[in-house]
């Protein structure tokens, strides 16, 4: 990720942060650690793929569920 792609987002408890699919795991880990330090106690989910492709089991592990149509 390039620095010019970075934007400030006010994060709230329960937010989902979508990263580009090609974000490497080490960058995701560093981001998660930084968010945990800046927002202690908040639950922020970071994903690096299309959320529509997550399985129901993966959503459940994050405490989420798919909205029934």
PDB file of N, CA and C in Angstrom:
ATOM      1  N   UNK A   1       0.840  -1.169   0.000  1.00  0.00           N
ATOM      2  CA  UNK A   1       0.000   0.000   0.000  1.00  0.00           C
ATOM      3  C   UNK A   1       0.888   1.237   0.000  1.00  0.00           C
ATOM      4  N   UNK A   2       0.525   2.191  -0.794  1.00  0.00           N
ATOM      5  CA  UNK A   2       1.281   3.430  -0.871  1.00  0.00           C
ATOM      6  C   UNK A   2       0.715   4.432   0.118  1.00  0.00           C
ATOM      7  N   UNK A   3       1.583   5.298   0.621  1.00  0.00           N
ATOM      8  CA  UNK A   3       1.155   6.282   1.600  1.00  0.00           C
ATOM      9  C   UNK A   3       0.080   7.213   1.073  1.00  0.00           C
ATOM     10  N   UNK A   4       0.092   7.512  -0.214  1.00  0.00           N
ATOM     11  CA  UNK A   4      -0.931   8.406  -0.755  1.00  0.00           C
ATOM     12  C   UNK A   4      -2.307   7.743  -0.797  1.00  0.00           C
ATOM     13  N   UNK A   5      -2.374   6.441  -0.541  1.00  0.00           N
ATOM     14  CA  UNK A   5      -3.646   5.725  -0.493  1.00  0.00           C
ATOM     15  C   UNK A   5      -4.256   5.761   0.909  1.00  0.00           C
ATOM     16  N   UNK A   6      -3.476   6.184   1.891  1.00  0.00           N
ATOM     17  CA  UNK A   6      -3.914   6.177   3.279  1.00  0.00           C
ATOM     18  C   UNK A   6      -4.868   7.338   3.540  1.00  0.00           C
ATOM     19  N   UNK A   7      -5.986   7.033   4.184  1.00  0.00           N
ATOM     20  CA  UNK A   7      -6.969   8.046   4.539  1.00  0.00           C
ATOM     21  C   UNK A   7      -7.311   7.889   6.009  1.00  0.00           C
ATOM     22  N   UNK A   8      -7.641   9.015   6.655  1.00  0.00           N
ATOM     23  CA  UNK A   8      -8.069   8.953   8.050  1.00  0.00           C
ATOM     24  C   UNK A   8      -9.523   8.512   8.106  1.00  0.00           C
ATOM     25  N   UNK A   9      -9.795   7.524   8.921  1.00  0.00           N
ATOM     26  CA  UNK A   9     -11.155   7.075   9.143  1.00  0.00           C
ATOM     27  C   UNK A   9     -11.411   7.061  10.643  1.00  0.00           C
ATOM     28  N   UNK A  10     -12.420   7.785  11.105  1.00  0.00           N
ATOM     29  CA  UNK A  10     -12.752   7.686  12.528  1.00  0.00           C
ATOM     30  C   UNK A  10     -13.367   6.308  12.787  1.00  0.00           C
ATOM     31  N   UNK A  11     -12.711   5.498  13.583  1.00  0.00           N
ATOM     32  CA  UNK A  11     -13.147   4.124  13.807  1.00  0.00           C
ATOM     33  C   UNK A  11     -14.016   4.022  15.054  1.00  0.00           C
ATOM     34  N   UNK A  12     -15.087   3.272  14.934  1.00  0.00           N
ATOM     35  CA  UNK A  12     -15.989   3.026  16.059  1.00  0.00           C
ATOM     36  C   UNK A  12     -16.003   1.533  16.363  1.00  0.00           C
ATOM     37  N   UNK A  13     -16.404   1.206  17.568  1.00  0.00           N
ATOM     38  CA  UNK A  13     -16.497  -0.189  17.968  1.00  0.00           C
ATOM     39  C   UNK A  13     -17.405  -0.941  17.005  1.00  0.00           C
ATOM     40  N   UNK A  14     -16.926  -2.088  16.510  1.00  0.00           N
ATOM     41  CA  UNK A  14     -17.703  -2.912  15.592  1.00  0.00           C
ATOM     42  C   UNK A  14     -17.507  -2.595  14.121  1.00  0.00           C
ATOM     43  N   UNK A  15     -16.637  -1.634  13.810  1.00  0.00           N
ATOM     44  CA  UNK A  15     -16.409  -1.276  12.412  1.00  0.00           C
ATOM     45  C   UNK A  15     -15.655  -2.365  11.659  1.00  0.00           C
ATOM     46  N   UNK A  16     -15.836  -2.363  10.363  1.00  0.00           N
ATOM     47  CA  UNK A  16     -15.150  -3.257   9.440  1.00  0.00           C
ATOM     48  C   UNK A  16     -14.239  -2.404   8.571  1.00  0.00           C
ATOM     49  N   UNK A  17     -12.971  -2.738   8.506  1.00  0.00           N
ATOM     50  CA  UNK A  17     -12.002  -2.001   7.709  1.00  0.00           C
ATOM     51  C   UNK A  17     -11.579  -2.870   6.536  1.00  0.00           C
ATOM     52  N   UNK A  18     -11.935  -2.475   5.330  1.00  0.00           N
ATOM     53  CA  UNK A  18     -11.639  -3.232   4.105  1.00  0.00           C
ATOM     54  C   UNK A  18     -10.318  -2.759   3.520  1.00  0.00           C
ATOM     55  N   UNK A  19      -9.398  -3.689   3.363  1.00  0.00           N
ATOM     56  CA  UNK A  19      -8.090  -3.406   2.790  1.00  0.00           C
ATOM     57  C   UNK A  19      -8.016  -4.016   1.393  1.00  0.00           C
ATOM     58  N   UNK A  20      -7.099  -3.520   0.550  1.00  0.00           N
ATOM     59  CA  UNK A  20      -6.934  -4.131  -0.770  1.00  0.00           C
ATOM     60  C   UNK A  20      -6.574  -5.612  -0.646  1.00  0.00           C
ATOM     61  N   UNK A  21      -7.063  -6.410  -1.576  1.00  0.00           N
ATOM     62  CA  UNK A  21      -6.859  -7.860  -1.537  1.00  0.00           C
ATOM     63  C   UNK A  21      -5.387  -8.250  -1.561  1.00  0.00           C
ATOM     64  N   UNK A  22      -4.535  -7.417  -2.125  1.00  0.00           N
ATOM     65  CA  UNK A  22      -3.117  -7.769  -2.216  1.00  0.00           C
ATOM     66  C   UNK A  22      -2.298  -7.299  -1.008  1.00  0.00           C
ATOM     67  N   UNK A  23      -2.957  -6.840   0.053  1.00  0.00           N
ATOM     68  CA  UNK A  23      -2.246  -6.415   1.258  1.00  0.00           C
ATOM     69  C   UNK A  23      -1.600  -7.623   1.909  1.00  0.00           C
ATOM     70  N   UNK A  24      -0.296  -7.533   2.164  1.00  0.00           N
ATOM     71  CA  UNK A  24       0.398  -8.701   2.707  1.00  0.00           C
ATOM     72  C   UNK A  24       0.059  -8.897   4.193  1.00  0.00           C
ATOM     73  N   UNK A  25       0.125 -10.134   4.666  1.00  0.00           N
ATOM     74  CA  UNK A  25      -0.249 -10.457   6.045  1.00  0.00           C
ATOM     75  C   UNK A  25       0.531  -9.669   7.099  1.00  0.00           C
ATOM     76  N   UNK A  26       1.806  -9.389   6.862  1.00  0.00           N
ATOM     77  CA  UNK A  26       2.584  -8.636   7.835  1.00  0.00           C
ATOM     78  C   UNK A  26       2.049  -7.210   7.976  1.00  0.00           C
ATOM     79  N   UNK A  27       1.671  -6.598   6.876  1.00  0.00           N
ATOM     80  CA  UNK A  27       1.091  -5.259   6.919  1.00  0.00           C
ATOM     81  C   UNK A  27      -0.233  -5.275   7.669  1.00  0.00           C
ATOM     82  N   UNK A  28      -1.053  -6.303   7.427  1.00  0.00           N
ATOM     83  CA  UNK A  28      -2.321  -6.425   8.147  1.00  0.00           C
ATOM     84  C   UNK A  28      -2.089  -6.575   9.648  1.00  0.00           C
ATOM     85  N   UNK A  29      -1.099  -7.369  10.018  1.00  0.00           N
ATOM     86  CA  UNK A  29      -0.774  -7.559  11.441  1.00  0.00           C
ATOM     87  C   UNK A  29      -0.341  -6.253  12.077  1.00  0.00           C
ATOM     88  N   UNK A  30       0.542  -5.510  11.386  1.00  0.00           N
ATOM     89  CA  UNK A  30       1.013  -4.225  11.906  1.00  0.00           C
ATOM     90  C   UNK A  30      -0.141  -3.234  12.052  1.00  0.00           C
ATOM     91  N   UNK A  31      -1.033  -3.221  11.083  1.00  0.00           N
ATOM     92  CA  UNK A  31      -2.189  -2.339  11.146  1.00  0.00           C
ATOM     93  C   UNK A  31      -3.078  -2.708  12.329  1.00  0.00           C
ATOM     94  N   UNK A  32      -3.331  -3.997  12.508  1.00  0.00           N
ATOM     95  CA  UNK A  32      -4.161  -4.449  13.625  1.00  0.00           C
ATOM     96  C   UNK A  32      -3.547  -4.052  14.965  1.00  0.00           C
ATOM     97  N   UNK A  33      -2.233  -4.193  15.087  1.00  0.00           N
ATOM     98  CA  UNK A  33      -1.553  -3.811  16.328  1.00  0.00           C
ATOM     99  C   UNK A  33      -1.648  -2.307  16.568  1.00  0.00           C
ATOM    100  N   UNK A  34      -1.483  -1.517  15.519  1.00  0.00           N
ATOM    101  CA  UNK A  34      -1.568  -0.056  15.653  1.00  0.00           C
ATOM    102  C   UNK A  34      -2.983   0.361  16.046  1.00  0.00           C
ATOM    103  N   UNK A  35      -3.984  -0.234  15.425  1.00  0.00           N
ATOM    104  CA  UNK A  35      -5.371   0.093  15.759  1.00  0.00           C
ATOM    105  C   UNK A  35      -5.676  -0.281  17.210  1.00  0.00           C
ATOM    106  N   UNK A  36      -5.180  -1.437  17.652  1.00  0.00           N
ATOM    107  CA  UNK A  36      -5.398  -1.869  19.035  1.00  0.00           C
ATOM    108  C   UNK A  36      -4.781  -0.881  20.024  1.00  0.00           C
ATOM    109  N   UNK A  37      -3.618  -0.322  19.688  1.00  0.00           N
ATOM    110  CA  UNK A  37      -2.979   0.666  20.561  1.00  0.00           C
ATOM    111  C   UNK A  37      -3.736   1.997  20.554  1.00  0.00           C
ATOM    112  N   UNK A  38      -4.200   2.408  19.384  1.00  0.00           N
ATOM    113  CA  UNK A  38      -4.880   3.701  19.255  1.00  0.00           C
ATOM    114  C   UNK A  38      -6.334   3.665  19.740  1.00  0.00           C
ATOM    115  N   UNK A  39      -6.945   2.499  19.677  1.00  0.00           N
ATOM    116  CA  UNK A  39      -8.359   2.350  20.038  1.00  0.00           C
ATOM    117  C   UNK A  39      -8.537   1.169  20.992  1.00  0.00           C
ATOM    118  N   UNK A  40      -7.960   1.250  22.187  1.00  0.00           N
ATOM    119  CA  UNK A  40      -8.062   0.117  23.110  1.00  0.00           C
ATOM    120  C   UNK A  40      -9.520  -0.185  23.457  1.00  0.00           C
ATOM    121  N   UNK A  41      -9.841  -1.463  23.464  1.00  0.00           N
ATOM    122  CA  UNK A  41     -11.184  -1.891  23.827  1.00  0.00           C
ATOM    123  C   UNK A  41     -12.169  -1.927  22.673  1.00  0.00           C
ATOM    124  N   UNK A  42     -11.825  -1.329  21.552  1.00  0.00           N
ATOM    125  CA  UNK A  42     -12.727  -1.358  20.397  1.00  0.00           C
ATOM    126  C   UNK A  42     -12.491  -2.622  19.585  1.00  0.00           C
ATOM    127  N   UNK A  43     -13.561  -3.189  19.093  1.00  0.00           N
ATOM    128  CA  UNK A  43     -13.485  -4.352  18.219  1.00  0.00           C
ATOM    129  C   UNK A  43     -13.549  -3.847  16.775  1.00  0.00           C
ATOM    130  N   UNK A  44     -12.439  -3.928  16.054  1.00  0.00           N
ATOM    131  CA  UNK A  44     -12.355  -3.494  14.662  1.00  0.00           C
ATOM    132  C   UNK A  44     -11.953  -4.715  13.837  1.00  0.00           C
ATOM    133  N   UNK A  45     -12.750  -5.059  12.834  1.00  0.00           N
ATOM    134  CA  UNK A  45     -12.454  -6.200  11.971  1.00  0.00           C
ATOM    135  C   UNK A  45     -11.764  -5.697  10.708  1.00  0.00           C
ATOM    136  N   UNK A  46     -10.617  -6.272  10.391  1.00  0.00           N
ATOM    137  CA  UNK A  46      -9.856  -5.900   9.194  1.00  0.00           C
ATOM    138  C   UNK A  46      -9.896  -7.084   8.236  1.00  0.00           C
ATOM    139  N   UNK A  47     -10.351  -6.840   7.009  1.00  0.00           N
ATOM    140  CA  UNK A  47     -10.350  -7.900   6.008  1.00  0.00           C
ATOM    141  C   UNK A  47      -9.634  -7.414   4.755  1.00  0.00           C
ATOM    142  N   UNK A  48      -9.064  -8.353   4.029  1.00  0.00           N
ATOM    143  CA  UNK A  48      -8.334  -8.015   2.796  1.00  0.00           C
ATOM    144  C   UNK A  48      -8.870  -8.851   1.650  1.00  0.00           C
ATOM    145  N   UNK A  49     -10.180  -8.961   1.586  1.00  0.00           N
ATOM    146  CA  UNK A  49     -10.826  -9.647   0.469  1.00  0.00           C
ATOM    147  C   UNK A  49     -12.283  -9.234   0.422  1.00  0.00           C
ATOM    148  N   UNK A  50     -12.982  -9.668  -0.573  1.00  0.00           N
ATOM    149  CA  UNK A  50     -14.384  -9.319  -0.751  1.00  0.00           C
ATOM    150  C   UNK A  50     -15.219  -9.954   0.362  1.00  0.00           C
ATOM    151  N   UNK A  51     -15.854  -9.128   1.170  1.00  0.00           N
ATOM    152  CA  UNK A  51     -16.618  -9.654   2.308  1.00  0.00           C
ATOM    153  C   UNK A  51     -17.761 -10.550   1.851  1.00  0.00           C
ATOM    154  N   UNK A  52     -18.246 -10.336   0.635  1.00  0.00           N
ATOM    155  CA  UNK A  52     -19.329 -11.187   0.115  1.00  0.00           C
ATOM    156  C   UNK A  52     -18.870 -12.618  -0.094  1.00  0.00           C
ATOM    157  N   UNK A  53     -17.546 -12.830  -0.156  1.00  0.00           N
ATOM    158  CA  UNK A  53     -17.012 -14.174  -0.376  1.00  0.00           C
ATOM    159  C   UNK A  53     -16.668 -14.896   0.930  1.00  0.00           C
ATOM    160  N   UNK A  54     -16.840 -14.220   2.066  1.00  0.00           N
ATOM    161  CA  UNK A  54     -16.604 -14.880   3.341  1.00  0.00           C
ATOM    162  C   UNK A  54     -17.703 -15.910   3.585  1.00  0.00           C
ATOM    163  N   UNK A  55     -17.327 -17.031   4.131  1.00  0.00           N
ATOM    164  CA  UNK A  55     -18.319 -18.061   4.450  1.00  0.00           C
ATOM    165  C   UNK A  55     -19.076 -17.656   5.719  1.00  0.00           C
ATOM    166  N   UNK A  56     -20.207 -18.302   5.938  1.00  0.00           N
ATOM    167  CA  UNK A  56     -20.970 -18.050   7.158  1.00  0.00           C
ATOM    168  C   UNK A  56     -20.135 -18.372   8.394  1.00  0.00           C
ATOM    169  N   UNK A  57     -19.304 -19.404   8.296  1.00  0.00           N
ATOM    170  CA  UNK A  57     -18.443 -19.790   9.422  1.00  0.00           C
ATOM    171  C   UNK A  57     -17.401 -18.709   9.708  1.00  0.00           C
ATOM    172  N   UNK A  58     -16.809 -18.146   8.652  1.00  0.00           N
ATOM    173  CA  UNK A  58     -15.821 -17.079   8.838  1.00  0.00           C
ATOM    174  C   UNK A  58     -16.472 -15.842   9.452  1.00  0.00           C
ATOM    175  N   UNK A  59     -17.667 -15.517   9.007  1.00  0.00           N
ATOM    176  CA  UNK A  59     -18.397 -14.386   9.586  1.00  0.00           C
ATOM    177  C   UNK A  59     -18.695 -14.645  11.057  1.00  0.00           C
ATOM    178  N   UNK A  60     -19.123 -15.855  11.378  1.00  0.00           N
ATOM    179  CA  UNK A  60     -19.447 -16.205  12.760  1.00  0.00           C
ATOM    180  C   UNK A  60     -18.232 -16.080  13.672  1.00  0.00           C
ATOM    181  N   UNK A  61     -17.055 -16.459  13.173  1.00  0.00           N
ATOM    182  CA  UNK A  61     -15.831 -16.326  13.975  1.00  0.00           C
ATOM    183  C   UNK A  61     -15.554 -14.875  14.344  1.00  0.00           C
ATOM    184  N   UNK A  62     -15.996 -13.954  13.485  1.00  0.00           N
ATOM    185  CA  UNK A  62     -15.816 -12.522  13.744  1.00  0.00           C
ATOM    186  C   UNK A  62     -16.998 -11.922  14.495  1.00  0.00           C
ATOM    187  N   UNK A  63     -17.971 -12.771  14.850  1.00  0.00           N
ATOM    188  CA  UNK A  63     -19.142 -12.284  15.559  1.00  0.00           C
ATOM    189  C   UNK A  63     -20.155 -11.613  14.648  1.00  0.00           C
ATOM    190  N   UNK A  64     -20.110 -11.936  13.373  1.00  0.00           N
ATOM    191  CA  UNK A  64     -21.029 -11.339  12.395  1.00  0.00           C
ATOM    192  C   UNK A  64     -21.946 -12.411  11.831  1.00  0.00           C
ATOM    193  N   UNK A  65     -23.015 -11.969  11.221  1.00  0.00           N
ATOM    194  CA  UNK A  65     -23.874 -12.900  10.494  1.00  0.00           C
ATOM    195  C   UNK A  65     -24.363 -12.236   9.228  1.00  0.00           C
ATOM    196  N   UNK A  66     -24.621 -13.064   8.233  1.00  0.00           N
ATOM    197  CA  UNK A  66     -25.093 -12.584   6.941  1.00  0.00           C
ATOM    198  C   UNK A  66     -26.553 -12.164   7.072  1.00  0.00           C
ATOM    199  N   UNK A  67     -26.869 -10.987   6.567  1.00  0.00           N
ATOM    200  CA  UNK A  67     -28.248 -10.501   6.602  1.00  0.00           C
ATOM    201  C   UNK A  67     -29.097 -11.339   5.651  1.00  0.00           C
ATOM    202  N   UNK A  68     -30.205 -11.832   6.167  1.00  0.00           N
ATOM    203  CA  UNK A  68     -31.114 -12.642   5.354  1.00  0.00           C
ATOM    204  C   UNK A  68     -31.954 -11.711   4.480  1.00  0.00           C
ATOM    205  N   UNK A  69     -32.068 -12.039   3.199  1.00  0.00           N
ATOM    206  CA  UNK A  69     -32.820 -11.183   2.265  1.00  0.00           C
ATOM    207  C   UNK A  69     -34.309 -11.363   2.391  1.00  0.00           C
TER     208      UNK A  69
END
